[in-house]
Amino acid sequence: MQHMSEWIDIAAQFIGFPLSEDRLRLFEIYESELIEWNTRFNLTAIKNPDEIRTKHFLDSLSCVLAINDINGRSLVDVGTGAGFPGIPLKIVFPDLKLTLVDSVGKKLVFCQHIIDRLSLTDCRIIHARAEDLGKDPLHRERYDIAVARAVTGLSALSELLLPLVKRKGIMIAQKGETATEELKTAEKAIRILGGGEIQLIPVTIPNAAEQRYLIRIEKQRNTPSGYPRRPDQIRKKPID
């Protein structure tokens, strides 16, 4: 197993700037707590420390390749699960204003535990469906950045994320090898929902075999009031 101090050097090289010893310690605690909680709550199928560092931590930090310095900005992580990618980004950017959203309560209990354990500030946890959040005036078009990984297809995901993003803000979808194909079928939805410039960013994560991608979408216009639709409509009738 790779030593954590070696991993932090790999992470720093990957994102393009150094990470301090105190950041290393926070990642160590996060990893340890995730492994321990996973024995009781089955938070993630990834349980090996090396895989956690690669497939959870580095994959989360890959968002930096699309958004650079996010200190002081507001980010909502939809379908966060055990805190990915939101909490690793918060560890690296301590002034990030972080909101974690999930519909599964036990996962948010773990996220709150990690936030408390790492003494992270300016974090908010919301137990809700993204479809409901996107209609709530307290959250609709309130965030600089909305991000999600592996939640659903890109057309449906755009309908969940773009309503939360301010004009001139950014939506980021973390995707695997289906990214190019998903993007082709989702372009109409992205335009209808207020999206503007689209970038497909290939990501090669150290020690990972799978090719990853970031789909970066700038919010150009306000999302029409009819979106997001009900969950069954999004699922059965994607915008195409």
Protein backbone atom coordinates (compact mmCIF):
# COMPACT_ATOMS: atom_id res chain seq x y z
CA MET A 1 0.00 0.00 0.00
CA GLN A 2 1.26 3.45 -0.92
CA HIS A 3 2.14 5.71 1.99
CA MET A 4 -0.15 8.71 2.37
CA SER A 5 2.77 11.17 2.18
CA GLU A 6 3.61 9.78 -1.27
CA TRP A 7 -0.02 10.08 -2.32
CA ILE A 8 -0.19 13.75 -1.33
CA ASP A 9 2.77 14.48 -3.62
CA ILE A 10 0.97 12.73 -6.48
CA ALA A 11 -2.18 14.72 -5.70
CA ALA A 12 -0.26 18.00 -5.68
CA GLN A 13 1.33 17.24 -9.04
CA PHE A 14 -2.06 16.22 -10.44
CA ILE A 15 -3.84 19.46 -9.49
CA GLY A 16 -0.83 21.68 -10.12
CA PHE A 17 -0.06 23.19 -6.71
CA PRO A 18 1.39 21.97 -3.38
CA LEU A 19 -0.67 20.64 -0.49
CA SER A 20 0.41 21.29 3.08
CA GLU A 21 0.94 18.80 5.90
CA ASP A 22 -2.30 19.83 7.57
CA ARG A 23 -4.21 19.00 4.34
CA LEU A 24 -2.49 15.60 4.34
CA ARG A 25 -3.67 14.97 7.89
CA LEU A 26 -7.28 15.80 6.96
CA PHE A 27 -7.22 13.33 4.10
CA GLU A 28 -5.76 10.69 6.43
CA ILE A 29 -8.62 11.18 8.90
CA TYR A 30 -11.21 11.16 6.12
CA GLU A 31 -9.85 7.89 4.74
CA SER A 32 -9.75 6.24 8.17
CA GLU A 33 -13.30 7.31 9.05
CA LEU A 34 -14.65 6.20 5.68
CA ILE A 35 -13.13 2.73 6.07
CA GLU A 36 -14.45 2.39 9.63
CA TRP A 37 -17.99 3.64 8.87
CA ASN A 38 -18.14 1.51 5.76
CA THR A 39 -18.03 -1.64 7.87
CA ARG A 40 -21.38 -0.63 9.38
CA PHE A 41 -23.20 1.44 6.78
CA ASN A 42 -21.95 0.34 3.34
CA LEU A 43 -21.33 3.90 2.18
CA THR A 44 -19.21 2.93 -0.82
CA ALA A 45 -18.20 -0.20 -2.70
CA ILE A 46 -14.60 1.07 -2.73
CA LYS A 47 -12.93 -0.08 0.48
CA ASN A 48 -9.23 -0.48 -0.32
CA PRO A 49 -7.13 2.55 0.83
CA ASP A 50 -5.27 2.84 -2.48
CA GLU A 51 -8.56 2.78 -4.39
CA ILE A 52 -10.11 5.32 -2.03
CA ARG A 53 -7.24 7.70 -2.73
CA THR A 54 -7.44 7.17 -6.48
CA LYS A 55 -11.15 6.66 -7.22
CA HIS A 56 -12.56 8.96 -4.55
CA PHE A 57 -9.96 11.56 -3.54
CA LEU A 58 -8.09 12.12 -6.83
CA ASP A 59 -11.25 11.77 -8.88
CA SER A 60 -12.88 14.45 -6.71
CA LEU A 61 -9.88 16.75 -7.03
CA SER A 62 -9.95 16.41 -10.81
CA CYS A 63 -12.67 19.10 -10.75
CA VAL A 64 -9.84 21.58 -10.21
CA LEU A 65 -8.86 21.01 -13.85
CA ALA A 66 -12.14 22.67 -14.86
CA ILE A 67 -12.54 25.41 -12.24
CA ASN A 68 -9.10 26.29 -10.84
CA ASP A 69 -9.11 28.34 -7.59
CA ILE A 70 -12.56 28.11 -6.00
CA ASN A 71 -11.81 29.63 -2.60
CA GLY A 72 -14.64 31.93 -1.56
CA ARG A 73 -17.05 30.62 -4.18
CA SER A 74 -20.27 28.68 -3.53
CA LEU A 75 -20.44 25.06 -4.67
CA VAL A 76 -23.33 22.60 -4.44
CA ASP A 77 -22.51 18.89 -4.70
CA VAL A 78 -25.61 16.96 -5.79
CA GLY A 79 -25.84 13.27 -4.93
CA THR A 80 -22.75 13.63 -2.78
CA GLY A 81 -22.94 10.17 -1.20
CA ALA A 82 -20.02 9.92 1.22
CA GLY A 83 -18.94 13.48 0.38
CA PHE A 84 -17.50 13.22 -3.12
CA PRO A 85 -16.38 15.43 -4.72
CA GLY A 86 -17.40 18.19 -2.28
CA ILE A 87 -15.41 17.36 0.85
CA PRO A 88 -12.04 16.71 -0.86
CA LEU A 89 -12.45 20.05 -2.65
CA LYS A 90 -13.25 21.73 0.67
CA ILE A 91 -10.13 20.23 2.24
CA VAL A 92 -7.98 21.73 -0.51
CA PHE A 93 -9.91 25.03 -0.68
CA PRO A 94 -10.84 25.83 2.94
CA ASP A 95 -12.69 29.05 2.03
CA LEU A 96 -15.04 27.26 -0.35
CA LYS A 97 -18.73 27.68 0.58
CA LEU A 98 -19.90 24.08 0.38
CA THR A 99 -23.41 22.61 0.20
CA LEU A 100 -23.81 18.82 0.13
CA VAL A 101 -27.10 17.37 -1.13
CA ASP A 102 -28.32 13.78 -1.04
CA SER A 103 -31.61 11.96 -0.71
CA VAL A 104 -30.09 9.20 1.47
CA GLY A 105 -30.03 10.27 5.11
CA LYS A 106 -27.38 7.86 6.41
CA LYS A 107 -24.85 9.16 3.92
CA LEU A 108 -25.45 12.72 5.07
CA VAL A 109 -25.01 11.62 8.69
CA PHE A 110 -21.54 10.44 7.70
CA CYS A 111 -20.85 13.68 5.82
CA GLN A 112 -21.82 15.74 8.88
CA HIS A 113 -19.56 13.55 11.02
CA ILE A 114 -16.62 14.19 8.67
CA ILE A 115 -17.29 17.93 8.57
CA ASP A 116 -17.27 18.00 12.38
CA ARG A 117 -14.29 15.66 12.66
CA LEU A 118 -12.20 17.78 10.27
CA SER A 119 -13.45 21.08 11.75
CA LEU A 120 -14.55 22.30 8.31
CA THR A 121 -16.43 25.59 8.32
CA ASP A 122 -19.00 27.16 5.98
CA CYS A 123 -20.52 23.77 5.10
CA ARG A 124 -24.20 22.98 4.76
CA ILE A 125 -25.92 19.60 4.52
CA ILE A 126 -29.31 19.23 2.82
CA HIS A 127 -31.41 16.07 2.84
CA ALA A 128 -33.45 16.54 -0.32
CA ARG A 129 -33.98 15.58 -3.94
CA ALA A 130 -32.30 17.86 -6.45
CA GLU A 131 -35.61 18.22 -8.33
CA ASP A 132 -37.12 19.90 -5.26
CA LEU A 133 -34.06 22.01 -4.51
CA GLY A 134 -34.03 23.45 -8.02
CA LYS A 135 -37.52 24.89 -7.46
CA ASP A 136 -36.73 26.37 -4.05
CA PRO A 137 -36.06 30.15 -4.25
CA LEU A 138 -33.43 29.74 -1.52
CA HIS A 139 -31.38 27.53 -3.84
CA ARG A 140 -32.52 28.16 -7.40
CA GLU A 141 -29.77 29.98 -9.34
CA ARG A 142 -27.86 30.70 -6.12
CA TYR A 143 -24.60 28.80 -6.67
CA ASP A 144 -21.40 29.65 -8.52
CA ILE A 145 -20.74 25.97 -9.21
CA ALA A 146 -22.90 22.84 -9.26
CA VAL A 147 -21.17 19.48 -9.52
CA ALA A 148 -22.13 15.82 -9.54
CA ARG A 149 -20.47 12.56 -10.44
CA ALA A 150 -22.11 9.42 -11.80
CA VAL A 151 -25.62 10.42 -10.72
CA THR A 152 -27.55 9.92 -13.99
CA GLY A 153 -27.34 10.55 -17.74
CA LEU A 154 -26.16 14.00 -18.82
CA SER A 155 -29.51 15.23 -20.13
CA ALA A 156 -31.24 14.45 -16.83
CA LEU A 157 -28.24 15.63 -14.83
CA SER A 158 -28.29 19.00 -16.60
CA GLU A 159 -31.93 19.37 -15.57
CA LEU A 160 -30.91 18.79 -11.95
CA LEU A 161 -27.81 20.99 -11.86
CA LEU A 162 -28.31 23.96 -14.19
CA PRO A 163 -31.37 25.32 -12.28
CA LEU A 164 -29.11 25.65 -9.22
CA VAL A 165 -26.40 27.64 -11.03
CA LYS A 166 -26.25 31.43 -11.26
CA ARG A 167 -25.91 33.09 -14.64
CA LYS A 168 -22.20 32.99 -15.57
CA GLY A 169 -21.77 30.14 -13.10
CA ILE A 170 -20.55 26.66 -13.98
CA MET A 171 -21.98 23.14 -14.01
CA ILE A 172 -19.52 20.25 -13.88
CA ALA A 173 -20.48 16.65 -14.61
CA GLN A 174 -17.88 14.01 -13.79
CA LYS A 175 -18.20 11.19 -16.29
CA GLY A 176 -16.52 8.01 -17.51
CA GLU A 177 -16.05 6.69 -21.02
CA THR A 178 -19.66 7.39 -22.04
CA ALA A 179 -19.10 11.15 -21.76
CA THR A 180 -18.75 11.90 -25.48
CA GLU A 181 -21.89 9.97 -26.41
CA GLU A 182 -23.89 11.47 -23.54
CA LEU A 183 -22.86 14.96 -24.60
CA LYS A 184 -24.14 14.43 -28.14
CA THR A 185 -27.61 13.49 -26.89
CA ALA A 186 -27.74 16.20 -24.18
CA GLU A 187 -26.81 19.34 -26.14
CA LYS A 188 -30.44 20.31 -26.80
CA ALA A 189 -31.31 19.93 -23.11
CA ILE A 190 -28.29 21.99 -22.07
CA ARG A 191 -29.34 24.86 -24.37
CA ILE A 192 -32.99 24.77 -23.23
CA LEU A 193 -31.90 24.83 -19.57
CA GLY A 194 -29.74 27.93 -20.03
CA GLY A 195 -26.36 26.38 -20.74
CA GLY A 196 -23.84 28.13 -22.97
CA GLU A 197 -20.26 27.15 -23.73
CA ILE A 198 -19.55 23.43 -23.28
CA GLN A 199 -16.12 21.90 -22.74
CA LEU A 200 -15.27 18.20 -22.69
CA ILE A 201 -12.09 17.82 -20.64
CA PRO A 202 -10.27 14.45 -20.68
CA VAL A 203 -8.87 13.49 -17.27
CA THR A 204 -6.17 10.89 -16.71
CA ILE A 205 -6.07 10.07 -13.00
CA PRO A 206 -2.75 8.67 -11.73
CA ASN A 207 -2.88 4.89 -11.10
CA ALA A 208 -6.40 4.60 -12.58
CA ALA A 209 -7.09 2.56 -15.69
CA GLU A 210 -10.42 4.14 -16.64
CA GLN A 211 -10.47 7.29 -18.75
CA ARG A 212 -12.43 10.04 -17.01
CA TYR A 213 -13.94 13.26 -18.33
CA LEU A 214 -15.22 16.55 -16.98
CA ILE A 215 -18.11 18.15 -18.84
CA ARG A 216 -17.94 21.87 -18.03
CA ILE A 217 -20.98 23.97 -18.93
CA GLU A 218 -21.23 27.72 -18.42
CA LYS A 219 -24.66 29.06 -17.48
CA GLN A 220 -25.61 31.69 -20.05
CA ARG A 221 -29.29 32.33 -19.38
CA ASN A 222 -31.77 31.80 -16.58
CA THR A 223 -33.37 28.36 -16.59
CA PRO A 224 -37.04 28.45 -17.75
CA SER A 225 -39.50 28.23 -14.86
CA GLY A 226 -40.85 24.82 -15.87
CA TYR A 227 -37.56 23.11 -15.00
CA PRO A 228 -36.66 20.95 -13.23
CA ARG A 229 -39.68 18.74 -13.84
CA ARG A 230 -40.94 15.94 -11.61
CA PRO A 231 -38.58 12.98 -11.10
CA ASP A 232 -40.75 10.61 -13.15
CA GLN A 233 -40.86 13.07 -16.06
CA ILE A 234 -37.09 13.54 -16.01
CA ARG A 235 -36.55 9.79 -15.91
CA LYS A 236 -39.12 8.75 -18.51
CA LYS A 237 -39.01 11.72 -20.88
CA PRO A 238 -35.50 13.22 -21.01
CA ILE A 239 -35.17 16.40 -23.03
CA ASP A 240 -33.89 15.39 -26.48
